[in-house]
């Protein structure tokens, strides 16, 4: 049985806008499973990167589902992004 974090988060989503949000607003974007809920995404990100999530926004695009995750002030999106393979 796979853990929830391996089912929900597929990979980081890197665009110019995502990089700008990472620097200015402490956010990262992830491609997630189409069936994942906001609560599951929050729990998977917190378990995977040992951080605190402040807010999760989800958008559905043609290629799937993208979650924008804002981290609590005490955690840096740049540090978490380096662990997620953004850089």
N, C-alpha and C. Protein backbone atom coordinates (compact mmCIF):
# COMPACT_ATOMS: atom_id res chain seq x y z
N UNK A 1 0.84 -1.18 0.00
CA UNK A 1 0.00 0.00 0.00
C UNK A 1 0.88 1.25 0.00
N UNK A 2 0.61 2.16 -0.92
CA UNK A 2 1.40 3.38 -0.99
C UNK A 2 0.85 4.41 -0.03
N UNK A 3 1.73 5.26 0.46
CA UNK A 3 1.28 6.30 1.38
C UNK A 3 0.58 7.41 0.60
N UNK A 4 -0.15 8.24 1.29
CA UNK A 4 -0.94 9.29 0.65
C UNK A 4 -0.07 10.28 -0.10
N UNK A 5 1.10 10.59 0.42
CA UNK A 5 1.92 11.60 -0.23
C UNK A 5 2.42 11.14 -1.59
N UNK A 6 2.55 9.84 -1.79
CA UNK A 6 3.00 9.34 -3.08
C UNK A 6 1.84 9.23 -4.08
N UNK A 7 0.63 9.17 -3.59
CA UNK A 7 -0.54 9.13 -4.47
C UNK A 7 -0.96 10.52 -4.91
N UNK A 8 -0.81 11.50 -4.05
CA UNK A 8 -1.39 12.82 -4.28
C UNK A 8 -0.46 13.73 -5.08
N UNK A 9 0.75 13.95 -4.62
CA UNK A 9 1.67 14.88 -5.27
C UNK A 9 2.41 14.13 -6.38
N UNK A 10 2.23 14.59 -7.62
CA UNK A 10 2.92 13.95 -8.74
C UNK A 10 4.29 14.58 -8.96
N UNK A 11 4.34 15.92 -9.10
CA UNK A 11 5.62 16.62 -9.24
C UNK A 11 5.39 18.12 -9.12
N UNK A 12 6.49 18.86 -8.97
CA UNK A 12 6.40 20.32 -8.90
C UNK A 12 6.08 20.87 -10.28
N UNK A 13 5.36 21.98 -10.32
CA UNK A 13 4.97 22.63 -11.57
C UNK A 13 5.73 23.94 -11.65
N UNK A 14 6.64 24.05 -12.62
CA UNK A 14 7.55 25.19 -12.68
C UNK A 14 7.27 26.01 -13.94
N UNK A 15 6.85 27.26 -13.73
CA UNK A 15 6.68 28.24 -14.80
C UNK A 15 7.26 29.56 -14.29
N UNK A 16 7.30 30.56 -15.16
CA UNK A 16 7.78 31.87 -14.72
C UNK A 16 6.88 32.43 -13.62
N UNK A 17 5.58 32.28 -13.79
CA UNK A 17 4.65 32.78 -12.79
C UNK A 17 4.84 32.04 -11.46
N UNK A 18 5.03 30.74 -11.52
CA UNK A 18 5.24 29.96 -10.30
C UNK A 18 6.52 30.39 -9.59
N UNK A 19 7.57 30.67 -10.36
CA UNK A 19 8.83 31.12 -9.75
C UNK A 19 8.65 32.50 -9.10
N UNK A 20 7.90 33.38 -9.74
CA UNK A 20 7.63 34.70 -9.19
C UNK A 20 6.83 34.58 -7.89
N UNK A 21 5.80 33.71 -7.87
CA UNK A 21 5.01 33.50 -6.66
C UNK A 21 5.86 32.90 -5.54
N UNK A 22 6.81 32.06 -5.90
CA UNK A 22 7.68 31.46 -4.89
C UNK A 22 8.50 32.55 -4.20
N UNK A 23 9.04 33.48 -4.97
CA UNK A 23 9.87 34.53 -4.39
C UNK A 23 9.06 35.59 -3.65
N UNK A 24 7.94 36.01 -4.21
CA UNK A 24 7.19 37.14 -3.65
C UNK A 24 6.12 36.75 -2.64
N UNK A 25 5.48 35.58 -2.83
CA UNK A 25 4.31 35.24 -2.01
C UNK A 25 4.46 33.95 -1.21
N UNK A 26 5.66 33.35 -1.22
CA UNK A 26 5.92 32.14 -0.47
C UNK A 26 5.00 30.98 -0.88
N UNK A 27 4.85 30.78 -2.21
CA UNK A 27 3.98 29.74 -2.76
C UNK A 27 4.76 28.81 -3.68
N UNK A 28 4.28 27.57 -3.78
CA UNK A 28 4.77 26.61 -4.76
C UNK A 28 3.58 25.98 -5.44
N UNK A 29 3.78 25.51 -6.68
CA UNK A 29 2.72 24.83 -7.41
C UNK A 29 3.13 23.38 -7.65
N UNK A 30 2.16 22.49 -7.52
CA UNK A 30 2.37 21.06 -7.73
C UNK A 30 1.29 20.51 -8.64
N UNK A 31 1.68 19.57 -9.51
CA UNK A 31 0.70 18.80 -10.26
C UNK A 31 0.27 17.68 -9.32
N UNK A 32 -1.05 17.55 -9.13
CA UNK A 32 -1.56 16.57 -8.17
C UNK A 32 -2.55 15.63 -8.87
N UNK A 33 -2.87 14.56 -8.18
CA UNK A 33 -3.84 13.59 -8.69
C UNK A 33 -5.20 14.27 -8.86
N UNK A 34 -5.90 13.92 -9.93
CA UNK A 34 -7.20 14.54 -10.23
C UNK A 34 -8.24 14.30 -9.15
N UNK A 35 -8.11 13.23 -8.40
CA UNK A 35 -9.11 12.90 -7.37
C UNK A 35 -8.79 13.48 -6.01
N UNK A 36 -7.64 14.14 -5.86
CA UNK A 36 -7.19 14.64 -4.56
C UNK A 36 -8.01 15.85 -4.12
N UNK A 37 -8.32 15.89 -2.84
CA UNK A 37 -9.02 17.04 -2.26
C UNK A 37 -8.01 18.00 -1.67
N UNK A 38 -8.47 19.20 -1.31
CA UNK A 38 -7.57 20.19 -0.69
C UNK A 38 -6.96 19.66 0.60
N UNK A 39 -7.76 18.99 1.40
CA UNK A 39 -7.27 18.45 2.67
C UNK A 39 -6.20 17.39 2.44
N UNK A 40 -6.38 16.53 1.45
CA UNK A 40 -5.38 15.51 1.14
C UNK A 40 -4.10 16.14 0.63
N UNK A 41 -4.23 17.19 -0.20
CA UNK A 41 -3.05 17.89 -0.72
C UNK A 41 -2.29 18.53 0.43
N UNK A 42 -2.99 19.21 1.32
CA UNK A 42 -2.37 19.85 2.48
C UNK A 42 -1.60 18.83 3.32
N UNK A 43 -2.24 17.71 3.64
CA UNK A 43 -1.62 16.69 4.46
C UNK A 43 -0.40 16.07 3.76
N UNK A 44 -0.50 15.83 2.47
CA UNK A 44 0.61 15.23 1.72
C UNK A 44 1.81 16.17 1.67
N UNK A 45 1.58 17.46 1.45
CA UNK A 45 2.68 18.43 1.40
C UNK A 45 3.32 18.56 2.77
N UNK A 46 2.52 18.65 3.82
CA UNK A 46 3.06 18.78 5.17
C UNK A 46 3.87 17.55 5.57
N UNK A 47 3.41 16.36 5.20
CA UNK A 47 4.15 15.13 5.55
C UNK A 47 5.42 14.99 4.72
N UNK A 48 5.35 15.34 3.45
CA UNK A 48 6.50 15.15 2.57
C UNK A 48 7.63 16.12 2.88
N UNK A 49 7.30 17.39 3.11
CA UNK A 49 8.33 18.42 3.27
C UNK A 49 8.47 18.93 4.70
N UNK A 50 7.82 18.31 5.67
CA UNK A 50 7.89 18.68 7.09
C UNK A 50 7.75 20.19 7.27
N UNK A 51 6.62 20.72 6.84
CA UNK A 51 6.35 22.15 6.91
C UNK A 51 4.90 22.37 7.30
N UNK A 52 4.51 23.62 7.42
CA UNK A 52 3.14 24.00 7.74
C UNK A 52 2.55 24.73 6.54
N UNK A 53 1.41 24.28 6.04
CA UNK A 53 0.74 24.89 4.90
C UNK A 53 -0.30 25.87 5.41
N UNK A 54 -0.28 27.10 4.87
CA UNK A 54 -1.25 28.12 5.27
C UNK A 54 -2.52 28.01 4.44
N UNK A 55 -2.39 27.74 3.12
CA UNK A 55 -3.56 27.72 2.26
C UNK A 55 -3.28 26.89 1.01
N UNK A 56 -4.32 26.24 0.49
CA UNK A 56 -4.22 25.47 -0.74
C UNK A 56 -5.30 25.95 -1.71
N UNK A 57 -4.88 26.34 -2.90
CA UNK A 57 -5.80 26.67 -3.98
C UNK A 57 -5.61 25.64 -5.08
N UNK A 58 -6.70 25.27 -5.75
CA UNK A 58 -6.64 24.24 -6.78
C UNK A 58 -7.24 24.79 -8.06
N UNK A 59 -6.57 24.51 -9.18
CA UNK A 59 -7.14 24.85 -10.48
C UNK A 59 -7.07 23.63 -11.37
N UNK A 60 -8.10 23.47 -12.19
CA UNK A 60 -8.16 22.34 -13.09
C UNK A 60 -7.89 22.85 -14.49
N UNK A 61 -6.90 22.26 -15.14
CA UNK A 61 -6.51 22.63 -16.51
C UNK A 61 -6.65 21.40 -17.39
N UNK A 62 -6.43 21.56 -18.68
CA UNK A 62 -6.60 20.44 -19.60
C UNK A 62 -5.70 19.27 -19.27
N UNK A 63 -4.51 19.56 -18.79
CA UNK A 63 -3.55 18.49 -18.51
C UNK A 63 -3.74 17.85 -17.14
N UNK A 64 -4.62 18.39 -16.29
CA UNK A 64 -4.85 17.81 -14.97
C UNK A 64 -5.18 18.84 -13.93
N UNK A 65 -4.75 18.58 -12.71
CA UNK A 65 -5.07 19.44 -11.57
C UNK A 65 -3.78 20.01 -11.00
N UNK A 66 -3.77 21.34 -10.78
CA UNK A 66 -2.60 22.02 -10.24
C UNK A 66 -2.97 22.67 -8.92
N UNK A 67 -2.18 22.39 -7.89
CA UNK A 67 -2.41 22.95 -6.57
C UNK A 67 -1.37 24.03 -6.29
N UNK A 68 -1.84 25.20 -5.89
CA UNK A 68 -0.96 26.27 -5.44
C UNK A 68 -0.98 26.26 -3.93
N UNK A 69 0.19 26.06 -3.33
CA UNK A 69 0.29 25.90 -1.88
C UNK A 69 1.05 27.09 -1.31
N UNK A 70 0.41 27.78 -0.36
CA UNK A 70 1.09 28.87 0.36
C UNK A 70 1.54 28.32 1.70
N UNK A 71 2.81 28.57 2.02
CA UNK A 71 3.38 28.07 3.25
C UNK A 71 3.28 29.11 4.36
N UNK A 72 3.32 28.63 5.61
CA UNK A 72 3.32 29.52 6.76
C UNK A 72 4.58 30.38 6.72
N UNK A 73 4.52 31.54 7.37
CA UNK A 73 5.63 32.51 7.31
C UNK A 73 6.96 31.95 7.78
N UNK A 74 6.94 31.01 8.71
CA UNK A 74 8.20 30.49 9.23
C UNK A 74 8.90 29.50 8.30
N UNK A 75 8.25 29.13 7.19
CA UNK A 75 8.85 28.22 6.22
C UNK A 75 9.06 28.96 4.90
N UNK A 76 10.18 28.67 4.25
CA UNK A 76 10.53 29.33 3.00
C UNK A 76 10.18 28.44 1.81
N UNK A 77 9.42 28.99 0.86
CA UNK A 77 9.06 28.24 -0.34
C UNK A 77 10.30 27.91 -1.16
N UNK A 78 11.31 28.76 -1.11
CA UNK A 78 12.54 28.49 -1.86
C UNK A 78 13.27 27.27 -1.30
N UNK A 79 13.32 27.14 0.02
CA UNK A 79 13.96 25.97 0.64
C UNK A 79 13.18 24.69 0.31
N UNK A 80 11.87 24.77 0.41
CA UNK A 80 11.03 23.61 0.12
C UNK A 80 11.10 23.29 -1.37
N UNK A 81 11.16 24.31 -2.21
CA UNK A 81 11.28 24.11 -3.65
C UNK A 81 12.57 23.41 -4.03
N UNK A 82 13.64 23.71 -3.33
CA UNK A 82 14.91 23.03 -3.62
C UNK A 82 14.82 21.55 -3.26
N UNK A 83 14.08 21.23 -2.19
CA UNK A 83 13.88 19.82 -1.83
C UNK A 83 12.94 19.13 -2.79
N UNK A 84 12.00 19.91 -3.40
CA UNK A 84 11.03 19.34 -4.33
C UNK A 84 11.59 19.16 -5.74
N UNK A 85 12.79 19.69 -5.98
CA UNK A 85 13.40 19.54 -7.29
C UNK A 85 13.08 20.65 -8.26
N UNK A 86 12.70 21.82 -7.75
CA UNK A 86 12.39 22.95 -8.62
C UNK A 86 13.66 23.51 -9.24
N UNK A 87 14.75 23.53 -8.48
CA UNK A 87 16.00 24.11 -8.97
C UNK A 87 16.88 23.04 -9.56
